[in-house]
Amino acid sequence: MIKVENLKLILNKRTILTDIDLCFEEGKIYGLTGNNGCGKTMLMKCICGFVKPSSGSVICEGKRVGKDIDYLADAGIIIENPCFIGYYPGFKNLKLLAGIKNKPDPVRIKETMKTCGLDPDLRLPVRKYSLGMRQRLGIAQAIMEDQKILILDEPMNGLDIDGISEMRELLLRLKNEGKLIILASHNTEDIRILCDDIIKMDKGRIVEIRHG
């Protein structure tokens, strides 16, 4: 469970987020919606621990992010554009990332790449990947260590119709496995099909929460 309590964020004397109170539970998908600049991405960054709020707190399983733990534990994250080493192929990129937590399991990585519609034996460097392939690789890195929590900012970006359908099925399967998933999307169909709860934001505030 993740609790966001009375969170406020001010950057360069500008109020970005105000009075954010939310509770996220495992086994559910939460959708963040709203126009560009409404605060969705900054809220995700605060939840992950990438940006420190001006006041309030993010608490995960009793531990305060930024105080008890530096970053959100056991989380797979895509925020903005996934970044990789351009001259390495996808598999080598994921193996290096998994090595950060001493989890470079080649079998698991290859299985995850196949699940995301990628060929783990493809030697093509990532810099030559299409936008959709890069997005699939980003999703693969977010789930390859069987993370309990997924924070996904526009995860369908760049995917074609078949790719979107495949990723929707994958996210629903992960939800049924008990994952806690928070996603931001401008695609109303993604939100409608995937999300149990929908959180609408405007000008850094929560203006509506719809429960599925």
C-alpha atoms as a PDB file:
ATOM      1  CA  MET A   1       0.000   0.000   0.000  1.00  0.00           C
ATOM      2  CA  ILE A   2       1.100   3.562  -0.782  1.00  0.00           C
ATOM      3  CA  LYS A   3      -0.308   6.576   1.045  1.00  0.00           C
ATOM      4  CA  VAL A   4       0.121  10.131  -0.163  1.00  0.00           C
ATOM      5  CA  GLU A   5      -0.712  12.496   2.681  1.00  0.00           C
ATOM      6  CA  ASN A   6      -1.288  16.251   2.351  1.00  0.00           C
ATOM      7  CA  LEU A   7       1.407  16.499  -0.315  1.00  0.00           C
ATOM      8  CA  LYS A   8       2.436  19.891  -1.636  1.00  0.00           C
ATOM      9  CA  LEU A   9       5.161  20.751  -4.129  1.00  0.00           C
ATOM     10  CA  ILE A  10       6.545  24.212  -4.856  1.00  0.00           C
ATOM     11  CA  LEU A  11       9.291  24.687  -7.453  1.00  0.00           C
ATOM     12  CA  ASN A  12      10.824  28.076  -8.257  1.00  0.00           C
ATOM     13  CA  LYS A  13       8.088  29.804  -6.227  1.00  0.00           C
ATOM     14  CA  ARG A  14       5.441  28.098  -8.368  1.00  0.00           C
ATOM     15  CA  THR A  15       2.932  25.731  -6.797  1.00  0.00           C
ATOM     16  CA  ILE A  16       2.947  22.467  -8.741  1.00  0.00           C
ATOM     17  CA  LEU A  17       0.925  20.188  -6.438  1.00  0.00           C
ATOM     18  CA  THR A  18      -1.488  21.086  -3.637  1.00  0.00           C
ATOM     19  CA  ASP A  19      -3.381  19.048  -1.017  1.00  0.00           C
ATOM     20  CA  ILE A  20      -2.808  15.624  -2.551  1.00  0.00           C
ATOM     21  CA  ASP A  21      -4.269  12.822  -0.423  1.00  0.00           C
ATOM     22  CA  LEU A  22      -4.442   9.367  -1.990  1.00  0.00           C
ATOM     23  CA  CYS A  23      -4.265   5.716  -1.063  1.00  0.00           C
ATOM     24  CA  PHE A  24      -3.122   3.035  -3.513  1.00  0.00           C
ATOM     25  CA  GLU A  25      -3.673  -0.674  -2.839  1.00  0.00           C
ATOM     26  CA  GLU A  26      -2.188  -3.789  -4.400  1.00  0.00           C
ATOM     27  CA  GLY A  27      -4.142  -5.690  -7.023  1.00  0.00           C
ATOM     28  CA  LYS A  28      -5.562  -2.531  -8.589  1.00  0.00           C
ATOM     29  CA  ILE A  29      -4.800  -0.191 -11.481  1.00  0.00           C
ATOM     30  CA  TYR A  30      -5.098   3.528 -10.838  1.00  0.00           C
ATOM     31  CA  GLY A  31      -5.368   5.977 -13.711  1.00  0.00           C
ATOM     32  CA  LEU A  32      -4.125   9.553 -13.522  1.00  0.00           C
ATOM     33  CA  THR A  33      -5.831  11.823 -16.040  1.00  0.00           C
ATOM     34  CA  GLY A  34      -5.803  15.510 -16.874  1.00  0.00           C
ATOM     35  CA  ASN A  35      -4.429  17.990 -19.360  1.00  0.00           C
ATOM     36  CA  ASN A  36      -0.731  18.588 -19.941  1.00  0.00           C
ATOM     37  CA  GLY A  37       0.770  20.451 -16.999  1.00  0.00           C
ATOM     38  CA  CYS A  38      -1.886  19.314 -14.517  1.00  0.00           C
ATOM     39  CA  GLY A  39       0.710  17.650 -12.282  1.00  0.00           C
ATOM     40  CA  LYS A  40       0.453  13.947 -13.155  1.00  0.00           C
ATOM     41  CA  THR A  41       4.124  13.398 -13.905  1.00  0.00           C
ATOM     42  CA  MET A  42       5.320  15.453 -10.926  1.00  0.00           C
ATOM     43  CA  LEU A  43       3.041  13.470  -8.632  1.00  0.00           C
ATOM     44  CA  MET A  44       4.563  10.252  -9.969  1.00  0.00           C
ATOM     45  CA  LYS A  45       8.062  11.635  -9.396  1.00  0.00           C
ATOM     46  CA  CYS A  46       7.180  12.520  -5.805  1.00  0.00           C
ATOM     47  CA  ILE A  47       5.736   9.048  -5.201  1.00  0.00           C
ATOM     48  CA  CYS A  48       8.907   7.448  -6.561  1.00  0.00           C
ATOM     49  CA  GLY A  49      11.200   9.692  -4.519  1.00  0.00           C
ATOM     50  CA  PHE A  50      12.739  11.431  -7.533  1.00  0.00           C
ATOM     51  CA  VAL A  51      11.401  14.815  -6.378  1.00  0.00           C
ATOM     52  CA  LYS A  52      11.110  15.805  -2.709  1.00  0.00           C
ATOM     53  CA  PRO A  53       7.766  17.408  -1.838  1.00  0.00           C
ATOM     54  CA  SER A  54       7.737  20.769  -0.085  1.00  0.00           C
ATOM     55  CA  SER A  55       5.439  19.334   2.569  1.00  0.00           C
ATOM     56  CA  GLY A  56       3.412  16.205   3.211  1.00  0.00           C
ATOM     57  CA  SER A  57       4.588  12.650   2.746  1.00  0.00           C
ATOM     58  CA  VAL A  58       4.592   9.489   0.653  1.00  0.00           C
ATOM     59  CA  ILE A  59       4.458   6.328   2.769  1.00  0.00           C
ATOM     60  CA  CYS A  60       4.995   2.837   1.383  1.00  0.00           C
ATOM     61  CA  GLU A  61       4.402  -0.108   3.725  1.00  0.00           C
ATOM     62  CA  GLY A  62       5.000   2.107   6.735  1.00  0.00           C
ATOM     63  CA  LYS A  63       8.206   3.691   5.425  1.00  0.00           C
ATOM     64  CA  ARG A  64       8.382   7.333   4.438  1.00  0.00           C
ATOM     65  CA  VAL A  65       9.923   7.917   1.004  1.00  0.00           C
ATOM     66  CA  GLY A  66      12.786  10.401   1.244  1.00  0.00           C
ATOM     67  CA  LYS A  67      13.274   9.769   4.953  1.00  0.00           C
ATOM     68  CA  ASP A  68      13.164   6.077   5.863  1.00  0.00           C
ATOM     69  CA  ILE A  69      13.927   5.035   2.294  1.00  0.00           C
ATOM     70  CA  ASP A  70      15.482   7.110  -0.488  1.00  0.00           C
ATOM     71  CA  TYR A  71      13.244   5.800  -3.245  1.00  0.00           C
ATOM     72  CA  LEU A  72      10.085   3.767  -3.622  1.00  0.00           C
ATOM     73  CA  ALA A  73      11.042   0.152  -2.920  1.00  0.00           C
ATOM     74  CA  ASP A  74      10.443  -2.732  -5.334  1.00  0.00           C
ATOM     75  CA  ALA A  75       9.039  -0.511  -8.084  1.00  0.00           C
ATOM     76  CA  GLY A  76       9.212  -0.688 -11.862  1.00  0.00           C
ATOM     77  CA  ILE A  77       9.089   2.799 -13.329  1.00  0.00           C
ATOM     78  CA  ILE A  78       8.593   4.521 -16.681  1.00  0.00           C
ATOM     79  CA  ILE A  79       8.483   8.307 -16.399  1.00  0.00           C
ATOM     80  CA  GLU A  80       8.792  10.369 -19.568  1.00  0.00           C
ATOM     81  CA  ASN A  81      10.986   8.732 -22.225  1.00  0.00           C
ATOM     82  CA  PRO A  82      12.838   5.517 -21.266  1.00  0.00           C
ATOM     83  CA  CYS A  83      16.615   6.026 -21.571  1.00  0.00           C
ATOM     84  CA  PHE A  84      19.043   3.323 -22.632  1.00  0.00           C
ATOM     85  CA  ILE A  85      22.623   3.022 -23.881  1.00  0.00           C
ATOM     86  CA  GLY A  86      22.122   3.553 -27.588  1.00  0.00           C
ATOM     87  CA  TYR A  87      24.987   1.444 -28.909  1.00  0.00           C
ATOM     88  CA  TYR A  88      23.998  -1.675 -26.928  1.00  0.00           C
ATOM     89  CA  PRO A  89      21.172  -4.026 -27.960  1.00  0.00           C
ATOM     90  CA  GLY A  90      18.090  -4.362 -25.802  1.00  0.00           C
ATOM     91  CA  PHE A  91      19.140  -7.495 -23.938  1.00  0.00           C
ATOM     92  CA  LYS A  92      22.489  -6.044 -22.864  1.00  0.00           C
ATOM     93  CA  ASN A  93      20.784  -2.868 -21.663  1.00  0.00           C
ATOM     94  CA  LEU A  94      18.384  -4.840 -19.484  1.00  0.00           C
ATOM     95  CA  LYS A  95      21.141  -7.098 -18.161  1.00  0.00           C
ATOM     96  CA  LEU A  96      23.151  -4.049 -17.075  1.00  0.00           C
ATOM     97  CA  LEU A  97      20.114  -2.520 -15.375  1.00  0.00           C
ATOM     98  CA  ALA A  98      19.301  -5.777 -13.583  1.00  0.00           C
ATOM     99  CA  GLY A  99      22.903  -5.891 -12.374  1.00  0.00           C
ATOM    100  CA  ILE A 100      22.351  -2.736 -10.321  1.00  0.00           C
ATOM    101  CA  LYS A 101      20.286  -4.784  -7.868  1.00  0.00           C
ATOM    102  CA  ASN A 102      22.337  -7.942  -8.426  1.00  0.00           C
ATOM    103  CA  LYS A 103      19.471  -9.565 -10.313  1.00  0.00           C
ATOM    104  CA  PRO A 104      20.964 -10.150 -13.795  1.00  0.00           C
ATOM    105  CA  ASP A 105      19.002 -13.343 -14.545  1.00  0.00           C
ATOM    106  CA  PRO A 106      19.437 -13.875 -18.329  1.00  0.00           C
ATOM    107  CA  VAL A 107      16.567 -16.370 -18.552  1.00  0.00           C
ATOM    108  CA  ARG A 108      14.157 -14.037 -16.782  1.00  0.00           C
ATOM    109  CA  ILE A 109      15.257 -11.081 -18.914  1.00  0.00           C
ATOM    110  CA  LYS A 110      14.765 -13.005 -22.149  1.00  0.00           C
ATOM    111  CA  GLU A 111      11.347 -14.232 -21.060  1.00  0.00           C
ATOM    112  CA  THR A 112      10.315 -10.697 -20.172  1.00  0.00           C
ATOM    113  CA  MET A 113      11.481  -9.339 -23.512  1.00  0.00           C
ATOM    114  CA  LYS A 114       9.453 -11.991 -25.338  1.00  0.00           C
ATOM    115  CA  THR A 115       6.426 -11.151 -23.161  1.00  0.00           C
ATOM    116  CA  CYS A 116       6.788  -7.541 -24.284  1.00  0.00           C
ATOM    117  CA  GLY A 117       7.042  -8.515 -27.952  1.00  0.00           C
ATOM    118  CA  LEU A 118      10.813  -8.156 -28.352  1.00  0.00           C
ATOM    119  CA  ASP A 119      13.414 -10.590 -29.659  1.00  0.00           C
ATOM    120  CA  PRO A 120      16.121 -10.933 -26.965  1.00  0.00           C
ATOM    121  CA  ASP A 121      18.600 -12.254 -29.557  1.00  0.00           C
ATOM    122  CA  LEU A 122      18.246  -9.225 -31.817  1.00  0.00           C
ATOM    123  CA  ARG A 123      21.666  -7.541 -32.108  1.00  0.00           C
ATOM    124  CA  LEU A 124      20.245  -4.225 -33.313  1.00  0.00           C
ATOM    125  CA  PRO A 125      21.498  -1.353 -31.115  1.00  0.00           C
ATOM    126  CA  VAL A 126      18.775   0.477 -29.221  1.00  0.00           C
ATOM    127  CA  ARG A 127      19.532   3.736 -31.049  1.00  0.00           C
ATOM    128  CA  LYS A 128      18.090   2.080 -34.160  1.00  0.00           C
ATOM    129  CA  TYR A 129      14.937   0.899 -32.412  1.00  0.00           C
ATOM    130  CA  SER A 130      11.607   2.377 -33.449  1.00  0.00           C
ATOM    131  CA  LEU A 131       9.692   4.424 -30.877  1.00  0.00           C
ATOM    132  CA  GLY A 132       7.396   1.451 -30.263  1.00  0.00           C
ATOM    133  CA  MET A 133      10.311  -0.930 -29.725  1.00  0.00           C
ATOM    134  CA  ARG A 134      11.893   1.483 -27.241  1.00  0.00           C
ATOM    135  CA  GLN A 135       8.607   1.703 -25.383  1.00  0.00           C
ATOM    136  CA  ARG A 136       8.332  -2.087 -25.234  1.00  0.00           C
ATOM    137  CA  LEU A 137      11.897  -2.195 -23.881  1.00  0.00           C
ATOM    138  CA  GLY A 138      10.931   0.383 -21.268  1.00  0.00           C
ATOM    139  CA  ILE A 139       8.003  -1.756 -20.153  1.00  0.00           C
ATOM    140  CA  ALA A 140      10.291  -4.801 -20.055  1.00  0.00           C
ATOM    141  CA  GLN A 141      12.733  -3.040 -17.700  1.00  0.00           C
ATOM    142  CA  ALA A 142       9.817  -2.034 -15.471  1.00  0.00           C
ATOM    143  CA  ILE A 143       8.616  -5.609 -14.963  1.00  0.00           C
ATOM    144  CA  MET A 144      11.726  -7.802 -15.449  1.00  0.00           C
ATOM    145  CA  GLU A 145      12.481  -8.094 -11.725  1.00  0.00           C
ATOM    146  CA  ASP A 146       8.889  -8.991 -10.805  1.00  0.00           C
ATOM    147  CA  GLN A 147       8.403  -5.631  -9.122  1.00  0.00           C
ATOM    148  CA  LYS A 148       5.372  -5.300  -6.842  1.00  0.00           C
ATOM    149  CA  ILE A 149       4.669  -1.708  -7.857  1.00  0.00           C
ATOM    150  CA  LEU A 150       4.525  -0.252 -11.367  1.00  0.00           C
ATOM    151  CA  ILE A 151       4.568   3.507 -12.007  1.00  0.00           C
ATOM    152  CA  LEU A 152       3.914   4.051 -15.707  1.00  0.00           C
ATOM    153  CA  ASP A 153       3.744   7.443 -17.416  1.00  0.00           C
ATOM    154  CA  GLU A 154       2.096   7.084 -20.853  1.00  0.00           C
ATOM    155  CA  PRO A 155       3.135   3.404 -21.231  1.00  0.00           C
ATOM    156  CA  MET A 156       1.366   3.015 -24.595  1.00  0.00           C
ATOM    157  CA  ASN A 157       3.222   5.905 -26.223  1.00  0.00           C
ATOM    158  CA  GLY A 158       4.470   4.938 -29.704  1.00  0.00           C
ATOM    159  CA  LEU A 159       2.775   1.533 -29.787  1.00  0.00           C
ATOM    160  CA  ASP A 160       0.649   0.463 -32.731  1.00  0.00           C
ATOM    161  CA  ILE A 161      -2.869  -0.964 -32.346  1.00  0.00           C
ATOM    162  CA  ASP A 162      -1.638  -4.525 -31.821  1.00  0.00           C
ATOM    163  CA  GLY A 163       0.998  -3.357 -29.364  1.00  0.00           C
ATOM    164  CA  ILE A 164      -1.543  -1.413 -27.331  1.00  0.00           C
ATOM    165  CA  SER A 165      -3.796  -4.473 -27.144  1.00  0.00           C
ATOM    166  CA  GLU A 166      -0.880  -6.669 -26.042  1.00  0.00           C
ATOM    167  CA  MET A 167       0.212  -4.227 -23.332  1.00  0.00           C
ATOM    168  CA  ARG A 168      -3.335  -3.852 -22.027  1.00  0.00           C
ATOM    169  CA  GLU A 169      -3.575  -7.625 -21.661  1.00  0.00           C
ATOM    170  CA  LEU A 170      -0.194  -7.682 -19.917  1.00  0.00           C
ATOM    171  CA  LEU A 171      -1.136  -4.965 -17.422  1.00  0.00           C
ATOM    172  CA  LEU A 172      -4.433  -6.651 -16.588  1.00  0.00           C
ATOM    173  CA  ARG A 173      -2.582  -9.925 -16.040  1.00  0.00           C
ATOM    174  CA  LEU A 174      -0.091  -8.207 -13.738  1.00  0.00           C
ATOM    175  CA  LYS A 175      -2.957  -6.631 -11.791  1.00  0.00           C
ATOM    176  CA  ASN A 176      -4.502 -10.064 -11.308  1.00  0.00           C
ATOM    177  CA  GLU A 177      -1.143 -11.239  -9.960  1.00  0.00           C
ATOM    178  CA  GLY A 178      -1.480  -8.626  -7.215  1.00  0.00           C
ATOM    179  CA  LYS A 179       0.622  -5.778  -8.593  1.00  0.00           C
ATOM    180  CA  LEU A 180      -0.134  -2.185  -7.659  1.00  0.00           C
ATOM    181  CA  ILE A 181      -0.158  -0.173 -10.890  1.00  0.00           C
ATOM    182  CA  ILE A 182      -0.354   3.604 -11.265  1.00  0.00           C
ATOM    183  CA  LEU A 183      -0.506   4.849 -14.834  1.00  0.00           C
ATOM    184  CA  ALA A 184      -0.962   8.191 -16.523  1.00  0.00           C
ATOM    185  CA  SER A 185      -2.516   8.292 -19.960  1.00  0.00           C
ATOM    186  CA  HIS A 186      -4.188  10.722 -22.328  1.00  0.00           C
ATOM    187  CA  ASN A 187      -5.919   7.760 -23.991  1.00  0.00           C
ATOM    188  CA  THR A 188      -9.434   7.521 -22.585  1.00  0.00           C
ATOM    189  CA  GLU A 189      -9.750   3.935 -23.832  1.00  0.00           C
ATOM    190  CA  ASP A 190      -6.672   2.870 -21.839  1.00  0.00           C
ATOM    191  CA  ILE A 191      -8.157   4.459 -18.735  1.00  0.00           C
ATOM    192  CA  ARG A 192     -11.608   2.969 -19.304  1.00  0.00           C
ATOM    193  CA  ILE A 193     -10.401  -0.564 -20.025  1.00  0.00           C
ATOM    194  CA  LEU A 194      -7.599  -0.806 -17.478  1.00  0.00           C
ATOM    195  CA  CYS A 195      -8.328   1.288 -14.430  1.00  0.00           C
ATOM    196  CA  ASP A 196     -10.205   0.387 -11.275  1.00  0.00           C
ATOM    197  CA  ASP A 197     -10.000   3.949  -9.944  1.00  0.00           C
ATOM    198  CA  ILE A 198      -9.626   7.097 -12.030  1.00  0.00           C
ATOM    199  CA  ILE A 199      -8.010  10.196 -10.525  1.00  0.00           C
ATOM    200  CA  LYS A 200      -8.562  13.414 -12.449  1.00  0.00           C
ATOM    201  CA  MET A 201      -6.135  16.268 -11.860  1.00  0.00           C
ATOM    202  CA  ASP A 202      -6.249  19.938 -12.792  1.00  0.00           C
ATOM    203  CA  LYS A 203      -3.747  22.677 -11.929  1.00  0.00           C
ATOM    204  CA  GLY A 204      -1.952  20.482  -9.425  1.00  0.00           C
ATOM    205  CA  ARG A 205      -5.046  19.402  -7.522  1.00  0.00           C
ATOM    206  CA  ILE A 206      -7.256  16.334  -7.490  1.00  0.00           C
ATOM    207  CA  VAL A 207     -10.638  17.412  -8.808  1.00  0.00           C
ATOM    208  CA  GLU A 208     -12.361  14.030  -9.089  1.00  0.00           C
ATOM    209  CA  ILE A 209     -11.913  10.396  -8.089  1.00  0.00           C
ATOM    210  CA  ARG A 210     -14.069   7.773  -9.766  1.00  0.00           C
ATOM    211  CA  HIS A 211     -14.116   4.294  -8.324  1.00  0.00           C
ATOM    212  CA  GLY A 212     -14.669   1.324 -10.639  1.00  0.00           C
END
